[in-house]
C-alpha atoms as a PDB file:
ATOM      1  CA  UNK A   1      27.539 121.944 172.628  1.00  0.00           C
ATOM      2  CA  UNK A   2      25.764 119.087 170.880  1.00  0.00           C
ATOM      3  CA  UNK A   3      27.673 115.844 170.383  1.00  0.00           C
ATOM      4  CA  UNK A   4      27.196 112.674 168.386  1.00  0.00           C
ATOM      5  CA  UNK A   5      26.224 109.878 170.790  1.00  0.00           C
ATOM      6  CA  UNK A   6      27.352 107.169 168.368  1.00  0.00           C
ATOM      7  CA  UNK A   7      30.789 108.782 168.027  1.00  0.00           C
ATOM      8  CA  UNK A   8      31.112 109.011 171.815  1.00  0.00           C
ATOM      9  CA  UNK A   9      30.048 105.395 172.316  1.00  0.00           C
ATOM     10  CA  UNK A  10      32.367 104.194 169.565  1.00  0.00           C
ATOM     11  CA  UNK A  11      35.347 106.017 171.088  1.00  0.00           C
ATOM     12  CA  UNK A  12      34.623 104.622 174.551  1.00  0.00           C
ATOM     13  CA  UNK A  13      34.148 101.083 173.226  1.00  0.00           C
ATOM     14  CA  UNK A  14      37.439 101.263 171.317  1.00  0.00           C
ATOM     15  CA  UNK A  15      39.130 102.324 174.550  1.00  0.00           C
ATOM     16  CA  UNK A  16      37.498  99.445 176.456  1.00  0.00           C
ATOM     17  CA  UNK A  17      38.472  97.041 173.670  1.00  0.00           C
ATOM     18  CA  UNK A  18      42.135  98.063 173.974  1.00  0.00           C
ATOM     19  CA  UNK A  19      41.983  97.622 177.750  1.00  0.00           C
ATOM     20  CA  UNK A  20      40.409  94.189 177.271  1.00  0.00           C
ATOM     21  CA  UNK A  21      43.224  93.142 174.948  1.00  0.00           C
ATOM     22  CA  UNK A  22      45.754  94.169 177.605  1.00  0.00           C
ATOM     23  CA  UNK A  23      43.770  92.231 180.219  1.00  0.00           C
ATOM     24  CA  UNK A  24      43.627  89.113 178.024  1.00  0.00           C
ATOM     25  CA  UNK A  25      47.384  89.338 177.529  1.00  0.00           C
ATOM     26  CA  UNK A  26      47.897  89.573 181.294  1.00  0.00           C
ATOM     27  CA  UNK A  27      45.565  86.602 181.781  1.00  0.00           C
ATOM     28  CA  UNK A  28      47.670  84.586 179.344  1.00  0.00           C
ATOM     29  CA  UNK A  29      50.869  85.478 181.196  1.00  0.00           C
ATOM     30  CA  UNK A  30      49.242  84.515 184.501  1.00  0.00           C
ATOM     31  CA  UNK A  31      48.102  81.187 183.046  1.00  0.00           C
ATOM     32  CA  UNK A  32      51.666  80.440 181.942  1.00  0.00           C
ATOM     33  CA  UNK A  33      53.033  81.382 185.359  1.00  0.00           C
ATOM     34  CA  UNK A  34      50.580  79.028 187.104  1.00  0.00           C
ATOM     35  CA  UNK A  35      50.831  76.193 184.587  1.00  0.00           C
ATOM     36  CA  UNK A  36      52.435  73.940 187.209  1.00  0.00           C
ATOM     37  CA  UNK A  37      49.655  74.563 189.737  1.00  0.00           C
ATOM     38  CA  UNK A  38      46.690  72.345 188.764  1.00  0.00           C
ATOM     39  CA  UNK A  39      44.646  73.621 191.721  1.00  0.00           C
ATOM     40  CA  UNK A  40      44.255  76.987 189.916  1.00  0.00           C
ATOM     41  CA  UNK A  41      43.497  75.744 186.394  1.00  0.00           C
ATOM     42  CA  UNK A  42      39.701  75.719 186.699  1.00  0.00           C
ATOM     43  CA  UNK A  43      39.620  79.334 187.880  1.00  0.00           C
ATOM     44  CA  UNK A  44      42.095  80.429 185.201  1.00  0.00           C
ATOM     45  CA  UNK A  45      40.038  78.794 182.458  1.00  0.00           C
ATOM     46  CA  UNK A  46      36.896  80.489 183.751  1.00  0.00           C
ATOM     47  CA  UNK A  47      38.600  83.891 183.794  1.00  0.00           C
ATOM     48  CA  UNK A  48      39.928  83.369 180.259  1.00  0.00           C
ATOM     49  CA  UNK A  49      36.549  82.204 178.963  1.00  0.00           C
ATOM     50  CA  UNK A  50      34.710  85.175 180.461  1.00  0.00           C
ATOM     51  CA  UNK A  51      37.376  87.591 179.215  1.00  0.00           C
ATOM     52  CA  UNK A  52      37.177  86.273 175.661  1.00  0.00           C
ATOM     53  CA  UNK A  53      33.384  86.446 175.675  1.00  0.00           C
ATOM     54  CA  UNK A  54      33.439  90.018 176.984  1.00  0.00           C
ATOM     55  CA  UNK A  55      35.965  90.999 174.312  1.00  0.00           C
ATOM     56  CA  UNK A  56      33.706  89.481 171.641  1.00  0.00           C
ATOM     57  CA  UNK A  57      30.681  91.352 173.033  1.00  0.00           C
ATOM     58  CA  UNK A  58      32.579  94.637 172.749  1.00  0.00           C
ATOM     59  CA  UNK A  59      33.423  93.862 169.112  1.00  0.00           C
ATOM     60  CA  UNK A  60      29.722  93.072 168.538  1.00  0.00           C
ATOM     61  CA  UNK A  61      28.669  96.454 169.915  1.00  0.00           C
ATOM     62  CA  UNK A  62      31.237  98.247 167.767  1.00  0.00           C
ATOM     63  CA  UNK A  63      29.903  96.389 164.741  1.00  0.00           C
ATOM     64  CA  UNK A  64      26.323  97.386 165.562  1.00  0.00           C
ATOM     65  CA  UNK A  65      27.372 101.046 165.668  1.00  0.00           C
ATOM     66  CA  UNK A  66      29.163 100.677 162.332  1.00  0.00           C
ATOM     67  CA  UNK A  67      26.209  99.003 160.652  1.00  0.00           C
ATOM     68  CA  UNK A  68      23.791 101.638 161.971  1.00  0.00           C
ATOM     69  CA  UNK A  69      25.953 104.368 160.432  1.00  0.00           C
ATOM     70  CA  UNK A  70      24.270 105.252 157.121  1.00  0.00           C
ATOM     71  CA  UNK A  71      27.698 105.850 155.554  1.00  0.00           C
ATOM     72  CA  UNK A  72      28.993 102.389 156.500  1.00  0.00           C
ATOM     73  CA  UNK A  73      30.103 100.132 153.675  1.00  0.00           C
ATOM     74  CA  UNK A  74      31.155  96.521 154.335  1.00  0.00           C
ATOM     75  CA  UNK A  75      34.766  95.614 153.592  1.00  0.00           C
ATOM     76  CA  UNK A  76      34.071  93.079 150.848  1.00  0.00           C
ATOM     77  CA  UNK A  77      37.147  91.095 149.891  1.00  0.00           C
ATOM     78  CA  UNK A  78      38.097  87.601 148.752  1.00  0.00           C
ATOM     79  CA  UNK A  79      38.312  85.224 151.711  1.00  0.00           C
ATOM     80  CA  UNK A  80      38.665  81.499 152.235  1.00  0.00           C
ATOM     81  CA  UNK A  81      35.859  79.957 154.326  1.00  0.00           C
ATOM     82  CA  UNK A  82      38.206  77.420 155.907  1.00  0.00           C
ATOM     83  CA  UNK A  83      40.471  80.175 157.242  1.00  0.00           C
ATOM     84  CA  UNK A  84      37.524  82.253 158.465  1.00  0.00           C
ATOM     85  CA  UNK A  85      35.944  79.352 160.367  1.00  0.00           C
ATOM     86  CA  UNK A  86      39.312  78.198 161.753  1.00  0.00           C
ATOM     87  CA  UNK A  87      39.967  81.651 163.240  1.00  0.00           C
ATOM     88  CA  UNK A  88      36.535  81.654 164.869  1.00  0.00           C
ATOM     89  CA  UNK A  89      37.201  78.215 166.390  1.00  0.00           C
ATOM     90  CA  UNK A  90      40.556  79.448 167.663  1.00  0.00           C
ATOM     91  CA  UNK A  91      38.814  82.372 169.341  1.00  0.00           C
ATOM     92  CA  UNK A  92      36.549  79.952 171.229  1.00  0.00           C
ATOM     93  CA  UNK A  93      39.462  78.721 173.350  1.00  0.00           C
ATOM     94  CA  UNK A  94      38.136  77.959 176.810  1.00  0.00           C
ATOM     95  CA  UNK A  95      34.503  77.897 175.617  1.00  0.00           C
ATOM     96  CA  UNK A  96      32.728  74.674 174.774  1.00  0.00           C
ATOM     97  CA  UNK A  97      35.599  72.345 175.651  1.00  0.00           C
ATOM     98  CA  UNK A  98      33.235  69.382 175.246  1.00  0.00           C
ATOM     99  CA  UNK A  99      32.046  70.485 171.797  1.00  0.00           C
ATOM    100  CA  UNK A 100      33.669  69.286 168.571  1.00  0.00           C
ATOM    101  CA  UNK A 101      33.354  71.480 165.467  1.00  0.00           C
ATOM    102  CA  UNK A 102      33.674  69.824 162.048  1.00  0.00           C
ATOM    103  CA  UNK A 103      34.285  71.653 158.759  1.00  0.00           C
ATOM    104  CA  UNK A 104      32.473  69.510 156.165  1.00  0.00           C
ATOM    105  CA  UNK A 105      33.432  71.471 153.050  1.00  0.00           C
ATOM    106  CA  UNK A 106      36.228  71.943 150.520  1.00  0.00           C
ATOM    107  CA  UNK A 107      39.093  73.824 152.239  1.00  0.00           C
ATOM    108  CA  UNK A 108      39.809  75.642 148.962  1.00  0.00           C
ATOM    109  CA  UNK A 109      36.307  77.149 148.804  1.00  0.00           C
ATOM    110  CA  UNK A 110      36.419  80.947 148.770  1.00  0.00           C
ATOM    111  CA  UNK A 111      33.986  83.836 148.546  1.00  0.00           C
ATOM    112  CA  UNK A 112      33.676  87.616 148.690  1.00  0.00           C
ATOM    113  CA  UNK A 113      32.457  88.993 152.015  1.00  0.00           C
ATOM    114  CA  UNK A 114      33.323  91.191 154.989  1.00  0.00           C
ATOM    115  CA  UNK A 115      35.323  88.710 157.072  1.00  0.00           C
ATOM    116  CA  UNK A 116      34.859  90.491 160.401  1.00  0.00           C
ATOM    117  CA  UNK A 117      31.074  90.600 160.064  1.00  0.00           C
ATOM    118  CA  UNK A 118      30.770  87.007 158.849  1.00  0.00           C
ATOM    119  CA  UNK A 119      33.129  85.855 161.608  1.00  0.00           C
ATOM    120  CA  UNK A 120      30.890  87.505 164.207  1.00  0.00           C
ATOM    121  CA  UNK A 121      27.838  85.753 162.740  1.00  0.00           C
ATOM    122  CA  UNK A 122      29.577  82.348 162.744  1.00  0.00           C
ATOM    123  CA  UNK A 123      30.880  82.916 166.284  1.00  0.00           C
ATOM    124  CA  UNK A 124      27.346  83.605 167.500  1.00  0.00           C
ATOM    125  CA  UNK A 125      26.096  80.423 165.836  1.00  0.00           C
ATOM    126  CA  UNK A 126      28.765  78.402 167.640  1.00  0.00           C
ATOM    127  CA  UNK A 127      28.164  80.028 171.024  1.00  0.00           C
ATOM    128  CA  UNK A 128      24.384  79.593 170.724  1.00  0.00           C
ATOM    129  CA  UNK A 129      24.894  75.893 169.916  1.00  0.00           C
ATOM    130  CA  UNK A 130      27.300  75.410 172.830  1.00  0.00           C
ATOM    131  CA  UNK A 131      24.899  77.109 175.239  1.00  0.00           C
ATOM    132  CA  UNK A 132      22.145  74.830 173.916  1.00  0.00           C
ATOM    133  CA  UNK A 133      24.192  71.799 174.990  1.00  0.00           C
ATOM    134  CA  UNK A 134      25.592  70.767 171.604  1.00  0.00           C
ATOM    135  CA  UNK A 135      28.503  68.327 171.634  1.00  0.00           C
ATOM    136  CA  UNK A 136      28.819  68.259 167.832  1.00  0.00           C
ATOM    137  CA  UNK A 137      28.680  71.169 165.378  1.00  0.00           C
ATOM    138  CA  UNK A 138      28.967  70.645 161.625  1.00  0.00           C
ATOM    139  CA  UNK A 139      29.724  73.470 159.201  1.00  0.00           C
ATOM    140  CA  UNK A 140      28.857  72.921 155.541  1.00  0.00           C
ATOM    141  CA  UNK A 141      29.085  75.420 152.685  1.00  0.00           C
ATOM    142  CA  UNK A 142      26.991  75.182 149.516  1.00  0.00           C
ATOM    143  CA  UNK A 143      27.802  77.040 146.338  1.00  0.00           C
ATOM    144  CA  UNK A 144      24.623  78.675 145.077  1.00  0.00           C
ATOM    145  CA  UNK A 145      23.943  79.877 141.507  1.00  0.00           C
ATOM    146  CA  UNK A 146      25.911  82.909 140.274  1.00  0.00           C
ATOM    147  CA  UNK A 147      28.560  82.700 142.980  1.00  0.00           C
ATOM    148  CA  UNK A 148      26.446  83.044 146.120  1.00  0.00           C
ATOM    149  CA  UNK A 149      27.218  80.950 149.196  1.00  0.00           C
ATOM    150  CA  UNK A 150      25.122  79.329 151.912  1.00  0.00           C
ATOM    151  CA  UNK A 151      26.851  78.439 155.177  1.00  0.00           C
ATOM    152  CA  UNK A 152      24.914  75.750 157.063  1.00  0.00           C
ATOM    153  CA  UNK A 153      25.740  75.346 160.754  1.00  0.00           C
ATOM    154  CA  UNK A 154      24.081  72.285 162.296  1.00  0.00           C
ATOM    155  CA  UNK A 155      24.299  71.084 165.890  1.00  0.00           C
ATOM    156  CA  UNK A 156      22.904  68.376 168.142  1.00  0.00           C
ATOM    157  CA  UNK A 157      21.757  70.725 170.904  1.00  0.00           C
ATOM    158  CA  UNK A 158      18.219  71.355 172.096  1.00  0.00           C
ATOM    159  CA  UNK A 159      17.217  73.386 169.032  1.00  0.00           C
ATOM    160  CA  UNK A 160      15.151  76.567 168.789  1.00  0.00           C
ATOM    161  CA  UNK A 161      11.918  77.069 170.688  1.00  0.00           C
ATOM    162  CA  UNK A 162       8.628  77.763 168.917  1.00  0.00           C
ATOM    163  CA  UNK A 163       8.773  81.517 169.564  1.00  0.00           C
ATOM    164  CA  UNK A 164      12.213  81.820 167.954  1.00  0.00           C
ATOM    165  CA  UNK A 165      11.037  79.864 164.912  1.00  0.00           C
ATOM    166  CA  UNK A 166       7.792  81.821 164.542  1.00  0.00           C
ATOM    167  CA  UNK A 167       9.318  85.305 164.763  1.00  0.00           C
ATOM    168  CA  UNK A 168      10.852  85.132 161.300  1.00  0.00           C
ATOM    169  CA  UNK A 169      13.081  88.106 162.090  1.00  0.00           C
ATOM    170  CA  UNK A 170      15.451  89.012 164.905  1.00  0.00           C
ATOM    171  CA  UNK A 171      14.850  91.613 167.569  1.00  0.00           C
ATOM    172  CA  UNK A 172      17.546  92.766 169.997  1.00  0.00           C
ATOM    173  CA  UNK A 173      15.023  93.020 172.839  1.00  0.00           C
ATOM    174  CA  UNK A 174      14.115  90.161 175.106  1.00  0.00           C
ATOM    175  CA  UNK A 175      16.283  87.057 175.361  1.00  0.00           C
ATOM    176  CA  UNK A 176      19.913  87.256 176.398  1.00  0.00           C
ATOM    177  CA  UNK A 177      20.967  86.124 172.922  1.00  0.00           C
ATOM    178  CA  UNK A 178      18.802  88.784 171.236  1.00  0.00           C
ATOM    179  CA  UNK A 179      21.670  91.140 170.429  1.00  0.00           C
ATOM    180  CA  UNK A 180      23.725  88.334 168.923  1.00  0.00           C
ATOM    181  CA  UNK A 181      20.847  87.151 166.727  1.00  0.00           C
ATOM    182  CA  UNK A 182      20.036  90.722 165.709  1.00  0.00           C
ATOM    183  CA  UNK A 183      23.660  91.404 164.775  1.00  0.00           C
ATOM    184  CA  UNK A 184      23.827  88.175 162.768  1.00  0.00           C
ATOM    185  CA  UNK A 185      20.807  89.318 160.781  1.00  0.00           C
ATOM    186  CA  UNK A 186      22.252  92.809 160.222  1.00  0.00           C
ATOM    187  CA  UNK A 187      25.730  91.486 159.357  1.00  0.00           C
ATOM    188  CA  UNK A 188      24.290  89.336 156.575  1.00  0.00           C
ATOM    189  CA  UNK A 189      21.701  91.861 155.338  1.00  0.00           C
ATOM    190  CA  UNK A 190      24.395  94.451 154.632  1.00  0.00           C
ATOM    191  CA  UNK A 191      25.942  92.056 152.090  1.00  0.00           C
ATOM    192  CA  UNK A 192      24.196  92.841 148.793  1.00  0.00           C
ATOM    193  CA  UNK A 193      24.776  92.149 145.112  1.00  0.00           C
ATOM    194  CA  UNK A 194      22.810  93.059 141.987  1.00  0.00           C
ATOM    195  CA  UNK A 195      22.509  90.350 139.326  1.00  0.00           C
ATOM    196  CA  UNK A 196      20.574  90.972 136.100  1.00  0.00           C
ATOM    197  CA  UNK A 197      18.805  93.914 137.728  1.00  0.00           C
ATOM    198  CA  UNK A 198      17.766  91.883 140.785  1.00  0.00           C
ATOM    199  CA  UNK A 199      19.057  92.866 144.218  1.00  0.00           C
ATOM    200  CA  UNK A 200      20.243  89.919 146.289  1.00  0.00           C
ATOM    201  CA  UNK A 201      20.603  90.491 150.025  1.00  0.00           C
ATOM    202  CA  UNK A 202      22.264  88.325 152.636  1.00  0.00           C
ATOM    203  CA  UNK A 203      20.014  86.626 155.151  1.00  0.00           C
ATOM    204  CA  UNK A 204      19.826  84.335 158.171  1.00  0.00           C
ATOM    205  CA  UNK A 205      17.386  81.440 158.469  1.00  0.00           C
ATOM    206  CA  UNK A 206      16.857  79.260 161.521  1.00  0.00           C
ATOM    207  CA  UNK A 207      15.270  75.803 161.658  1.00  0.00           C
ATOM    208  CA  UNK A 208      15.221  72.643 163.731  1.00  0.00           C
ATOM    209  CA  UNK A 209      16.525  69.371 162.342  1.00  0.00           C
ATOM    210  CA  UNK A 210      14.245  66.332 162.130  1.00  0.00           C
ATOM    211  CA  UNK A 211      16.816  64.287 164.043  1.00  0.00           C
ATOM    212  CA  UNK A 212      17.063  66.964 166.748  1.00  0.00           C
ATOM    213  CA  UNK A 213      19.245  70.016 167.070  1.00  0.00           C
ATOM    214  CA  UNK A 214      19.313  73.308 165.202  1.00  0.00           C
ATOM    215  CA  UNK A 215      20.390  74.522 161.789  1.00  0.00           C
ATOM    216  CA  UNK A 216      21.296  78.127 160.994  1.00  0.00           C
ATOM    217  CA  UNK A 217      21.805  79.095 157.354  1.00  0.00           C
ATOM    218  CA  UNK A 218      23.860  82.187 156.531  1.00  0.00           C
ATOM    219  CA  UNK A 219      23.288  83.281 152.932  1.00  0.00           C
ATOM    220  CA  UNK A 220      25.991  85.449 151.326  1.00  0.00           C
ATOM    221  CA  UNK A 221      24.970  86.796 147.888  1.00  0.00           C
END
């Protein structure tokens, strides 16, 4: 009997996600139990960091399957950028301990977007910056005409290489970060809005800063 591969993969990934949540909970309990044993803290932090990253990767894969489903519609709702970014930072616990993330925008600024998809895009920006050696990440949000938003994420890491800048689009093949970049692009592109007969579509743009470091712009129509 024929079966839908996407449905099978989605079901298995949901099962793995639930098991990962149970594992993360057990890791937290273990960390509490060994809190008075400094000789184990480095290993515990490494286990927690890897567990959180694996859990995020599973959520990424589930999101890819959703986006590739022709019937998928993003869950567009009113959200506050400060809350969205704060939750992403909270989820980075154990990753990038030497990196400081600044929110350089009005905490009351809100917008309409799928929070899970935008959170995944922002998370990938942060992780890419941390892996590039950034010690400072600045998040700014600009209000564009007719209610659109641009989220600018700047860091002082090593920046993008020439190949990444020349590609112009994102391909999941190749570099280890390819899936993350591809998902960022897809997560933004699925956000659309028609204004005066013109279709606006979300997008991702990458650039290097003159003073060094990278800048990723997430445009939400």
